C-alpha atoms as a PDB file:
ATOM      1  CA  GLY A   1      -3.863  98.843-104.281  1.00  0.00           C
ATOM      2  CA  SER A   2      -5.696  99.141-107.601  1.00  0.00           C
ATOM      3  CA  SER A   3      -2.613  99.358-109.807  1.00  0.00           C
ATOM      4  CA  GLU A   4      -0.777  96.562-111.594  1.00  0.00           C
ATOM      5  CA  ARG A   5       2.930  95.956-111.011  1.00  0.00           C
ATOM      6  CA  PRO A   6       5.335  93.334-112.340  1.00  0.00           C
ATOM      7  CA  PHE A   7       5.714  90.268-110.131  1.00  0.00           C
ATOM      8  CA  GLU A   8       9.458  90.255-110.633  1.00  0.00           C
ATOM      9  CA  PRO A   9      11.247  91.403-108.592  1.00  0.00           C
ATOM     10  CA  GLU A  10       9.195  93.718-106.330  1.00  0.00           C
ATOM     11  CA  GLY A  11       6.101  91.507-106.341  1.00  0.00           C
ATOM     12  CA  ARG A  12       8.006  88.411-105.304  1.00  0.00           C
ATOM     13  CA  LYS A  13       9.719  90.323-102.513  1.00  0.00           C
ATOM     14  CA  TRP A  14       6.367  91.705-101.309  1.00  0.00           C
ATOM     15  CA  LEU A  15       4.766  88.248-101.362  1.00  0.00           C
ATOM     16  CA  SER A  16       7.667  86.663 -99.482  1.00  0.00           C
ATOM     17  CA  GLY A  17       7.096  89.162 -96.684  1.00  0.00           C
ATOM     18  CA  MET A  18       3.303  88.991 -96.668  1.00  0.00           C
ATOM     19  CA  LEU A  19       2.728  85.267 -97.103  1.00  0.00           C
ATOM     20  CA  PRO A  20       3.907  84.135 -93.630  1.00  0.00           C
ATOM     21  CA  ARG A  21       1.706  86.766 -92.007  1.00  0.00           C
ATOM     22  CA  PHE A  22      -1.241  85.742 -94.176  1.00  0.00           C
ATOM     23  CA  ILE A  23      -0.768  82.078 -93.293  1.00  0.00           C
ATOM     24  CA  ARG A  24      -0.592  82.877 -89.580  1.00  0.00           C
ATOM     25  CA  GLN A  25      -3.610  85.158 -89.615  1.00  0.00           C
ATOM     26  CA  SER A  26      -5.793  82.859 -91.714  1.00  0.00           C
ATOM     27  CA  GLY A  27      -5.032  79.656 -89.814  1.00  0.00           C
ATOM     28  CA  ILE A  28      -4.408  77.850 -93.094  1.00  0.00           C
ATOM     29  CA  GLY A  29      -2.568  74.583 -92.482  1.00  0.00           C
ATOM     30  CA  ALA A  30      -2.467  75.198 -88.721  1.00  0.00           C
ATOM     31  CA  PRO A  31      -2.479  71.511 -87.680  1.00  0.00           C
ATOM     32  CA  ALA A  32       0.524  70.650 -89.866  1.00  0.00           C
ATOM     33  CA  ARG A  33       2.340  73.886 -89.003  1.00  0.00           C
ATOM     34  CA  VAL A  34       1.932  73.340 -85.256  1.00  0.00           C
ATOM     35  CA  VAL A  35       3.312  69.796 -85.540  1.00  0.00           C
ATOM     36  CA  ARG A  36       6.233  71.002 -87.637  1.00  0.00           C
ATOM     37  CA  ILE A  37       7.081  73.913 -85.327  1.00  0.00           C
ATOM     38  CA  HIS A  38       6.713  71.685 -82.271  1.00  0.00           C
ATOM     39  CA  LYS A  39       9.187  69.159 -83.667  1.00  0.00           C
ATOM     40  CA  SER A  40      11.834  71.805 -84.177  1.00  0.00           C
ATOM     41  CA  GLY A  41      11.152  74.221 -81.338  1.00  0.00           C
ATOM     42  CA  GLY A  42       8.934  72.411 -78.859  1.00  0.00           C
ATOM     43  CA  VAL A  43       6.159  74.119 -76.930  1.00  0.00           C
ATOM     44  CA  THR A  44       8.259  77.284 -76.687  1.00  0.00           C
ATOM     45  CA  GLY A  45       8.472  77.506 -80.468  1.00  0.00           C
ATOM     46  CA  VAL A  46       4.711  77.124 -80.932  1.00  0.00           C
ATOM     47  CA  LEU A  47       3.948  79.697 -78.254  1.00  0.00           C
ATOM     48  CA  ALA A  48       6.361  82.119 -79.884  1.00  0.00           C
ATOM     49  CA  GLU A  49       4.541  81.619 -83.189  1.00  0.00           C
ATOM     50  CA  VAL A  50       1.206  82.235 -81.449  1.00  0.00           C
ATOM     51  CA  SER A  51       2.559  85.530 -80.107  1.00  0.00           C
ATOM     52  CA  ARG A  52       3.234  86.642 -83.695  1.00  0.00           C
ATOM     53  CA  ILE A  53      -0.420  86.105 -84.615  1.00  0.00           C
ATOM     54  CA  GLU A  54      -2.583  89.211 -84.385  1.00  0.00           C
ATOM     55  CA  GLY A  55      -6.082  87.725 -84.394  1.00  0.00           C
ATOM     56  CA  SER A  56      -7.820  85.954 -81.514  1.00  0.00           C
ATOM     57  CA  TRP A  57      -9.395  83.383 -83.834  1.00  0.00           C
ATOM     58  CA  SER A  58      -6.069  82.143 -85.211  1.00  0.00           C
ATOM     59  CA  LYS A  59      -4.461  82.186 -81.770  1.00  0.00           C
ATOM     60  CA  ARG A  60      -7.225  79.878 -80.534  1.00  0.00           C
ATOM     61  CA  ILE A  61      -6.771  77.552 -83.534  1.00  0.00           C
ATOM     62  CA  TYR A  62      -3.014  77.230 -82.942  1.00  0.00           C
ATOM     63  CA  LEU A  63      -3.351  76.712 -79.177  1.00  0.00           C
ATOM     64  CA  THR A  64      -6.086  74.129 -79.711  1.00  0.00           C
ATOM     65  CA  GLU A  65      -3.782  72.185 -82.020  1.00  0.00           C
ATOM     66  CA  LEU A  66      -0.921  72.509 -79.539  1.00  0.00           C
ATOM     67  CA  VAL A  67      -2.799  70.964 -76.611  1.00  0.00           C
ATOM     68  CA  LYS A  68      -3.663  67.969 -78.795  1.00  0.00           C
ATOM     69  CA  LEU A  69       0.032  66.997 -78.815  1.00  0.00           C
ATOM     70  CA  GLY A  70       0.105  66.034 -75.130  1.00  0.00           C
ATOM     71  CA  LEU A  71       1.743  68.486 -72.739  1.00  0.00           C
ATOM     72  CA  SER A  72       3.455  68.346 -69.363  1.00  0.00           C
ATOM     73  CA  GLY A  73       1.915  70.054 -66.366  1.00  0.00           C
ATOM     74  CA  LEU A  74       4.196  73.086 -66.632  1.00  0.00           C
ATOM     75  CA  ASP A  75       3.510  73.425 -70.343  1.00  0.00           C
ATOM     76  CA  VAL A  76      -0.238  73.308 -69.704  1.00  0.00           C
ATOM     77  CA  GLN A  77       0.187  76.205 -67.289  1.00  0.00           C
ATOM     78  CA  ARG A  78       2.146  78.153 -69.914  1.00  0.00           C
ATOM     79  CA  VAL A  79      -0.559  77.583 -72.515  1.00  0.00           C
ATOM     80  CA  PHE A  80      -3.387  78.727 -70.220  1.00  0.00           C
ATOM     81  CA  THR A  81      -1.388  81.758 -69.071  1.00  0.00           C
ATOM     82  CA  GLN A  82      -0.587  82.836 -72.619  1.00  0.00           C
ATOM     83  CA  ALA A  83      -4.167  82.271 -73.735  1.00  0.00           C
ATOM     84  CA  GLY A  84      -5.448  84.550 -70.981  1.00  0.00           C
ATOM     85  CA  ALA A  85      -2.862  87.220 -71.797  1.00  0.00           C
ATOM     86  CA  GLU A  86      -3.097  87.216 -75.609  1.00  0.00           C
ATOM     87  CA  ILE A  87      -6.582  86.139 -76.728  1.00  0.00           C
ATOM     88  CA  ASP A  88      -8.533  89.379 -76.619  1.00  0.00           C
ATOM     89  CA  SER A  89     -11.876  88.005 -77.808  1.00  0.00           C
ATOM     90  CA  ASP A  90     -13.997  86.804 -74.881  1.00  0.00           C
ATOM     91  CA  PHE A  91     -15.749  84.318 -77.150  1.00  0.00           C
ATOM     92  CA  GLU A  92     -12.536  82.832 -78.552  1.00  0.00           C
ATOM     93  CA  LEU A  93     -10.876  82.602 -75.138  1.00  0.00           C
ATOM     94  CA  ALA A  94     -13.976  81.020 -73.615  1.00  0.00           C
ATOM     95  CA  SER A  95     -14.195  78.531 -76.482  1.00  0.00           C
ATOM     96  CA  PHE A  96     -10.551  77.533 -76.022  1.00  0.00           C
ATOM     97  CA  LEU A  97     -10.874  77.103 -72.255  1.00  0.00           C
ATOM     98  CA  ILE A  98     -14.050  75.051 -72.561  1.00  0.00           C
ATOM     99  CA  SER A  99     -12.428  72.725 -75.087  1.00  0.00           C
ATOM    100  CA  SER A 100      -9.322  72.373 -72.887  1.00  0.00           C
ATOM    101  CA  ASN A 101     -10.751  71.976 -69.381  1.00  0.00           C
ATOM    102  CA  LYS A 102      -9.811  68.284 -69.287  1.00  0.00           C
ATOM    103  CA  LEU A 103      -6.173  69.411 -69.027  1.00  0.00           C
ATOM    104  CA  ILE A 104      -6.661  70.632 -65.442  1.00  0.00           C
ATOM    105  CA  ALA A 105      -4.710  67.934 -63.652  1.00  0.00           C
ATOM    106  CA  ASP A 106      -2.922  69.769 -60.823  1.00  0.00           C
ATOM    107  CA  ASP A 107      -3.008  72.933 -58.736  1.00  0.00           C
ATOM    108  CA  GLY A 108      -0.764  74.836 -61.125  1.00  0.00           C
ATOM    109  CA  ALA A 109      -2.998  74.127 -64.094  1.00  0.00           C
ATOM    110  CA  ARG A 110      -6.082  74.993 -62.026  1.00  0.00           C
ATOM    111  CA  ARG A 111      -4.670  78.381 -61.037  1.00  0.00           C
ATOM    112  CA  ALA A 112      -3.545  79.160 -64.590  1.00  0.00           C
ATOM    113  CA  TYR A 113      -6.916  78.100 -66.023  1.00  0.00           C
ATOM    114  CA  LEU A 114      -8.939  80.175 -63.578  1.00  0.00           C
ATOM    115  CA  GLY A 115      -6.541  83.070 -64.056  1.00  0.00           C
ATOM    116  CA  ALA A 116      -7.202  82.961 -67.801  1.00  0.00           C
ATOM    117  CA  ALA A 117     -10.942  82.696 -67.175  1.00  0.00           C
ATOM    118  CA  GLY A 118     -10.758  85.704 -64.882  1.00  0.00           C
ATOM    119  CA  SER A 119      -9.518  87.837 -67.785  1.00  0.00           C
ATOM    120  CA  ILE A 120     -12.850  87.355 -69.598  1.00  0.00           C
ATOM    121  CA  GLY A 121     -14.921  90.518 -69.418  1.00  0.00           C
ATOM    122  CA  SER A 122     -18.223  89.090 -70.681  1.00  0.00           C
ATOM    123  CA  ASP A 123     -20.444  87.770 -67.877  1.00  0.00           C
ATOM    124  CA  PHE A 124     -22.045  85.303 -70.281  1.00  0.00           C
ATOM    125  CA  GLU A 125     -18.755  83.894 -71.560  1.00  0.00           C
ATOM    126  CA  LEU A 126     -17.223  83.646 -68.078  1.00  0.00           C
ATOM    127  CA  ARG A 127     -20.277  81.816 -66.777  1.00  0.00           C
ATOM    128  CA  ARG A 128     -20.121  79.540 -69.824  1.00  0.00           C
ATOM    129  CA  VAL A 129     -16.519  78.610 -69.002  1.00  0.00           C
ATOM    130  CA  LEU A 130     -17.144  78.004 -65.306  1.00  0.00           C
ATOM    131  CA  SER A 131     -20.326  76.014 -65.923  1.00  0.00           C
ATOM    132  CA  SER A 132     -18.429  73.767 -68.327  1.00  0.00           C
ATOM    133  CA  LEU A 133     -16.272  72.646 -65.414  1.00  0.00           C
ATOM    134  CA  ILE A 134     -19.202  71.275 -63.432  1.00  0.00           C
ATOM    135  CA  LYS A 135     -21.681  70.059 -66.028  1.00  0.00           C
ATOM    136  CA  SER A 136     -19.984  66.684 -66.373  1.00  0.00           C
ATOM    137  CA  GLY A 137     -20.447  65.946 -62.657  1.00  0.00           C
ATOM    138  CA  PRO A 138     -19.079  66.879 -59.221  1.00  0.00           C
ATOM    139  CA  VAL A 139     -15.605  68.418 -59.256  1.00  0.00           C
ATOM    140  CA  ALA A 140     -12.833  68.363 -56.665  1.00  0.00           C
ATOM    141  CA  ALA A 141     -13.275  70.815 -53.817  1.00  0.00           C
ATOM    142  CA  PRO A 142     -10.234  73.012 -54.664  1.00  0.00           C
ATOM    143  CA  LEU A 143     -11.437  73.491 -58.246  1.00  0.00           C
ATOM    144  CA  ALA A 144     -15.022  74.150 -57.144  1.00  0.00           C
ATOM    145  CA  ALA A 145     -13.848  76.678 -54.546  1.00  0.00           C
ATOM    146  CA  GLY A 146     -11.618  78.348 -57.144  1.00  0.00           C
ATOM    147  CA  LEU A 147     -14.363  78.667 -59.734  1.00  0.00           C
ATOM    148  CA  LEU A 148     -16.698  80.120 -57.096  1.00  0.00           C
ATOM    149  CA  GLU A 149     -14.081  82.715 -56.183  1.00  0.00           C
ATOM    150  CA  THR A 150     -13.584  83.556 -59.867  1.00  0.00           C
ATOM    151  CA  SER A 151     -17.343  83.858 -60.349  1.00  0.00           C
ATOM    152  CA  THR A 152     -17.587  86.778 -57.923  1.00  0.00           C
ATOM    153  CA  SER A 153     -16.419  89.035 -60.783  1.00  0.00           C
ATOM    154  CA  ILE A 154     -19.662  88.262 -62.675  1.00  0.00           C
ATOM    155  CA  ASP A 155     -21.856  91.357 -62.471  1.00  0.00           C
ATOM    156  CA  SER A 156     -24.997  89.818 -63.968  1.00  0.00           C
ATOM    157  CA  ASP A 157     -27.271  88.397 -61.277  1.00  0.00           C
ATOM    158  CA  PHE A 158     -28.790  86.021 -63.803  1.00  0.00           C
ATOM    159  CA  GLU A 159     -25.456  84.594 -64.935  1.00  0.00           C
ATOM    160  CA  GLU A 160     -24.081  84.273 -61.388  1.00  0.00           C
ATOM    161  CA  ALA A 161     -27.282  82.629 -60.163  1.00  0.00           C
ATOM    162  CA  SER A 162     -27.317  80.252 -63.134  1.00  0.00           C
ATOM    163  CA  LEU A 163     -23.783  79.116 -62.301  1.00  0.00           C
ATOM    164  CA  LEU A 164     -24.657  78.578 -58.630  1.00  0.00           C
ATOM    165  CA  VAL A 165     -27.784  76.628 -59.586  1.00  0.00           C
ATOM    166  CA  ASP A 166     -25.674  74.399 -61.840  1.00  0.00           C
ATOM    167  CA  LEU A 167     -23.235  73.748 -59.007  1.00  0.00           C
ATOM    168  CA  ALA A 168     -25.936  73.132 -56.399  1.00  0.00           C
ATOM    169  CA  ARG A 169     -27.584  70.571 -58.673  1.00  0.00           C
ATOM    170  CA  GLN A 170     -24.337  68.703 -59.290  1.00  0.00           C
ATOM    171  CA  GLN A 171     -22.876  68.432 -55.811  1.00  0.00           C
ATOM    172  CA  THR A 172     -23.667  69.048 -52.208  1.00  0.00           C
ATOM    173  CA  ILE A 173     -22.474  72.176 -50.448  1.00  0.00           C
ATOM    174  CA  ASP A 174     -20.031  70.581 -48.012  1.00  0.00           C
ATOM    175  CA  ALA A 175     -17.758  72.218 -45.451  1.00  0.00           C
ATOM    176  CA  ALA A 176     -15.116  73.083 -48.050  1.00  0.00           C
ATOM    177  CA  LEU A 177     -17.599  74.767 -50.395  1.00  0.00           C
ATOM    178  CA  ARG A 178     -19.979  76.390 -47.926  1.00  0.00           C
ATOM    179  CA  GLY A 179     -17.948  79.563 -47.430  1.00  0.00           C
ATOM    180  CA  PRO A 180     -17.079  80.209 -51.117  1.00  0.00           C
ATOM    181  CA  PHE A 181     -20.608  79.292 -52.248  1.00  0.00           C
ATOM    182  CA  PHE A 182     -22.452  81.689 -49.966  1.00  0.00           C
ATOM    183  CA  LYS A 183     -19.831  84.391 -50.535  1.00  0.00           C
ATOM    184  CA  ALA A 184     -20.582  84.150 -54.258  1.00  0.00           C
ATOM    185  CA  LEU A 185     -24.326  84.119 -53.591  1.00  0.00           C
ATOM    186  CA  ALA A 186     -23.997  87.311 -51.539  1.00  0.00           C
ATOM    187  CA  THR A 187     -23.055  89.122 -54.769  1.00  0.00           C
ATOM    188  CA  VAL A 188     -26.497  88.347 -56.269  1.00  0.00           C
ATOM    189  CA  GLY A 189     -28.639  91.391 -55.581  1.00  0.00           C
ATOM    190  CA  SER A 190     -31.803  90.303 -57.391  1.00  0.00           C
ATOM    191  CA  SER A 191     -34.308  88.844 -54.935  1.00  0.00           C
ATOM    192  CA  PHE A 192     -35.686  86.506 -57.591  1.00  0.00           C
ATOM    193  CA  GLU A 193     -32.271  85.158 -58.603  1.00  0.00           C
ATOM    194  CA  HIS A 194     -31.107  84.903 -54.982  1.00  0.00           C
ATOM    195  CA  SER A 195     -34.254  82.981 -54.108  1.00  0.00           C
ATOM    196  CA  ARG A 196     -33.829  80.749 -57.143  1.00  0.00           C
ATOM    197  CA  VAL A 197     -30.413  79.630 -55.933  1.00  0.00           C
ATOM    198  CA  LEU A 198     -31.497  79.050 -52.339  1.00  0.00           C
ATOM    199  CA  GLN A 199     -34.522  77.009 -53.364  1.00  0.00           C
ATOM    200  CA  THR A 200     -32.265  74.802 -55.491  1.00  0.00           C
ATOM    201  CA  VAL A 201     -29.896  74.299 -52.562  1.00  0.00           C
ATOM    202  CA  LEU A 202     -32.741  73.481 -50.168  1.00  0.00           C
ATOM    203  CA  ARG A 203     -34.134  70.782 -52.445  1.00  0.00           C
ATOM    204  CA  ARG A 204     -31.108  68.659 -51.646  1.00  0.00           C
ATOM    205  CA  THR A 205     -31.670  66.058 -48.960  1.00  0.00           C
ATOM    206  CA  ASP A 206     -27.961  65.648 -48.188  1.00  0.00           C
ATOM    207  CA  LEU A 207     -27.305  69.123 -46.781  1.00  0.00           C
ATOM    208  CA  ALA A 208     -25.282  69.302 -43.603  1.00  0.00           C
ATOM    209  CA  PRO A 209     -26.906  71.252 -40.733  1.00  0.00           C
ATOM    210  CA  GLU A 210     -24.336  74.017 -41.192  1.00  0.00           C
ATOM    211  CA  ALA A 211     -25.220  74.405 -44.880  1.00  0.00           C
ATOM    212  CA  ARG A 212     -28.934  74.594 -44.039  1.00  0.00           C
ATOM    213  CA  ALA A 213     -28.206  77.271 -41.455  1.00  0.00           C
ATOM    214  CA  SER A 214     -26.114  79.230 -43.984  1.00  0.00           C
ATOM    215  CA  ALA A 215     -28.942  79.034 -46.526  1.00  0.00           C
ATOM    216  CA  LEU A 216     -31.397  80.428 -43.966  1.00  0.00           C
ATOM    217  CA  GLU A 217     -28.993  83.221 -43.037  1.00  0.00           C
ATOM    218  CA  SER A 218     -28.716  84.036 -46.732  1.00  0.00           C
ATOM    219  CA  ALA A 219     -32.515  84.137 -46.991  1.00  0.00           C
ATOM    220  CA  SER A 220     -32.503  87.078 -44.579  1.00  0.00           C
ATOM    221  CA  ALA A 221     -30.722  89.093 -47.302  1.00  0.00           C
ATOM    222  CA  VAL A 222     -33.570  88.573 -49.807  1.00  0.00           C
ATOM    223  CA  GLU A 223     -35.364  91.915 -49.942  1.00  0.00           C
ATOM    224  CA  SER A 224     -38.572  90.729 -51.604  1.00  0.00           C
ATOM    225  CA  ASP A 225     -40.992  89.448 -48.978  1.00  0.00           C
ATOM    226  CA  PHE A 226     -42.565  87.083 -51.487  1.00  0.00           C
ATOM    227  CA  GLU A 227     -39.210  85.585 -52.502  1.00  0.00           C
ATOM    228  CA  ALA A 228     -37.982  85.298 -48.908  1.00  0.00           C
ATOM    229  CA  ALA A 229     -41.213  83.529 -47.966  1.00  0.00           C
ATOM    230  CA  ALA A 230     -40.819  81.204 -50.953  1.00  0.00           C
ATOM    231  CA  VAL A 231     -37.369  80.189 -49.688  1.00  0.00           C
ATOM    232  CA  LEU A 232     -38.665  79.440 -46.183  1.00  0.00           C
ATOM    233  CA  LEU A 233     -41.614  77.461 -47.540  1.00  0.00           C
ATOM    234  CA  GLN A 234     -39.210  75.464 -49.678  1.00  0.00           C
ATOM    235  CA  PHE A 235     -37.098  74.839 -46.599  1.00  0.00           C
ATOM    236  CA  LEU A 236     -40.103  73.461 -44.700  1.00  0.00           C
ATOM    237  CA  LYS A 237     -40.869  71.003 -47.494  1.00  0.00           C
ATOM    238  CA  TYR A 238     -37.579  69.188 -47.052  1.00  0.00           C
ATOM    239  CA  ASN A 239     -36.179  70.074 -43.630  1.00  0.00           C
ATOM    240  CA  SER A 240     -36.948  70.287 -39.952  1.00  0.00           C
ATOM    241  CA  ILE A 241     -36.336  73.547 -38.120  1.00  0.00           C
ATOM    242  CA  GLU A 242     -35.101  71.777 -35.011  1.00  0.00           C
ATOM    243  CA  GLY A 243     -31.479  72.131 -33.936  1.00  0.00           C
ATOM    244  CA  PRO A 244     -29.105  74.605 -35.619  1.00  0.00           C
ATOM    245  CA  SER A 245     -31.758  75.630 -38.161  1.00  0.00           C
ATOM    246  CA  ARG A 246     -34.279  77.064 -35.717  1.00  0.00           C
ATOM    247  CA  ALA A 247     -32.613  80.377 -34.871  1.00  0.00           C
ATOM    248  CA  PRO A 248     -31.695  81.350 -38.472  1.00  0.00           C
ATOM    249  CA  PHE A 249     -35.174  80.262 -39.646  1.00  0.00           C
ATOM    250  CA  PHE A 250     -36.931  82.661 -37.310  1.00  0.00           C
ATOM    251  CA  ARG A 251     -34.420  85.427 -38.066  1.00  0.00           C
ATOM    252  CA  ALA A 252     -35.260  85.002 -41.754  1.00  0.00           C
ATOM    253  CA  ALA A 253     -38.985  85.006 -40.944  1.00  0.00           C
ATOM    254  CA  ALA A 254     -38.532  88.196 -38.902  1.00  0.00           C
ATOM    255  CA  SER A 255     -36.975  89.905 -41.955  1.00  0.00           C
ATOM    256  CA  ILE A 256     -40.319  89.585 -43.811  1.00  0.00           C
ATOM    257  CA  ASP A 257     -42.249  92.847 -43.482  1.00  0.00           C
ATOM    258  CA  SER A 258     -45.412  91.697 -45.242  1.00  0.00           C
ATOM    259  CA  ASP A 259     -47.971  90.420 -42.731  1.00  0.00           C
ATOM    260  CA  PHE A 260     -49.450  88.168 -45.382  1.00  0.00           C
ATOM    261  CA  GLU A 261     -46.138  86.527 -46.319  1.00  0.00           C
ATOM    262  CA  HIS A 262     -44.994  86.274 -42.702  1.00  0.00           C
ATOM    263  CA  SER A 263     -48.280  84.636 -41.766  1.00  0.00           C
ATOM    264  CA  ARG A 264     -48.072  82.280 -44.735  1.00  0.00           C
ATOM    265  CA  VAL A 265     -44.696  80.996 -43.524  1.00  0.00           C
ATOM    266  CA  LEU A 266     -45.789  80.582 -39.914  1.00  0.00           C
ATOM    267  CA  GLN A 267     -48.993  78.787 -40.917  1.00  0.00           C
ATOM    268  CA  ALA A 268     -46.955  76.281 -42.949  1.00  0.00           C
ATOM    269  CA  LEU A 269     -44.715  75.771 -39.941  1.00  0.00           C
ATOM    270  CA  ALA A 270     -47.686  75.361 -37.574  1.00  0.00           C
ATOM    271  CA  ARG A 271     -49.031  72.511 -39.707  1.00  0.00           C
ATOM    272  CA  ARG A 272     -45.969  70.383 -38.974  1.00  0.00           C
ATOM    273  CA  SER A 273     -46.376  67.628 -36.430  1.00  0.00           C
ATOM    274  CA  ASP A 274     -42.697  67.460 -35.462  1.00  0.00           C
ATOM    275  CA  LEU A 275     -42.345  70.804 -33.678  1.00  0.00           C
ATOM    276  CA  SER A 276     -40.715  70.796 -30.268  1.00  0.00           C
ATOM    277  CA  ASP A 277     -42.091  72.920 -27.466  1.00  0.00           C
ATOM    278  CA  GLY A 278     -39.252  75.364 -28.023  1.00  0.00           C
ATOM    279  CA  SER A 279     -40.141  75.750 -31.711  1.00  0.00           C
ATOM    280  CA  VAL A 280     -43.824  76.304 -30.890  1.00  0.00           C
ATOM    281  CA  LEU A 281     -42.802  79.044 -28.456  1.00  0.00           C
ATOM    282  CA  GLU A 282     -40.609  80.716 -31.105  1.00  0.00           C
ATOM    283  CA  LEU A 283     -43.496  80.484 -33.603  1.00  0.00           C
ATOM    284  CA  LEU A 284     -45.805  82.318 -31.191  1.00  0.00           C
ATOM    285  CA  LYS A 285     -43.173  84.965 -30.532  1.00  0.00           C
ATOM    286  CA  SER A 286     -42.731  85.473 -34.263  1.00  0.00           C
ATOM    287  CA  ALA A 287     -46.496  85.798 -34.720  1.00  0.00           C
ATOM    288  CA  GLN A 288     -46.553  88.755 -32.340  1.00  0.00           C
ATOM    289  CA  ALA A 289     -44.771  90.815 -35.010  1.00  0.00           C
ATOM    290  CA  ILE A 290     -47.768  90.470 -37.350  1.00  0.00           C
ATOM    291  CA  SER A 291     -49.816  93.680 -37.238  1.00  0.00           C
ATOM    292  CA  SER A 292     -52.794  92.566 -39.320  1.00  0.00           C
ATOM    293  CA  ASN A 293     -55.696  91.329 -37.191  1.00  0.00           C
ATOM    294  CA  PHE A 294     -56.846  89.054 -40.009  1.00  0.00           C
END
């Protein structure tokens, strides 16, 4: 407190009890301590020491030093699991996972990593973790599907849409990703953000017909007539409506209540020179729903 006491013997006894806790909490000498504990007690010893630490910052420091030592697959799982269970700070947990994502080498590590990420409550920090997995380039389908499933817990439309835009820019939406991707997109309620994702997807020239059809079906869920029309206009810039795309295209067009926006889409379609007779007929049928004489 504010009183002076002799160091001997009570002070020395007090310091001997407080110093280990102070060292743990402050992170002082963490690199050397982790190496020393690891030599005598292995990964189990270091994880036990981490459990004695009260603060998220120091826990992250110790775990970061531990993963530098080279761990087996099972030990990597243990580290990710303990990080998710014990690091309370969303920022500190996200920072640790981002710095350690190169350790995901098998299914066990992937599940443990995404499980730890799923314990993050902050939409921003969770999106930051998941985006870090894909920013270096396309990722394996199981990991991409897993991160999309984890992302459905993000409540912020902006953060969810930003993640999906990142993914759509990095890799095509193939058969393995189509279901998880559009399931995640269905959680985005904002018409603007939903449209932003779909327009990014439709800019790709390597989309399979099934992915194009799924994107058009998703466009029907966009409540804003302007944004839904923007998606369909983007589709027409890069794709033909023939084949599997025709039916979902006209269903999406039919979901547009605004005569102006509906007409704008159909006029863009009518300018194309590659329409089959069947598509022209569907265009005329769609035009009958427009009430405005102009």
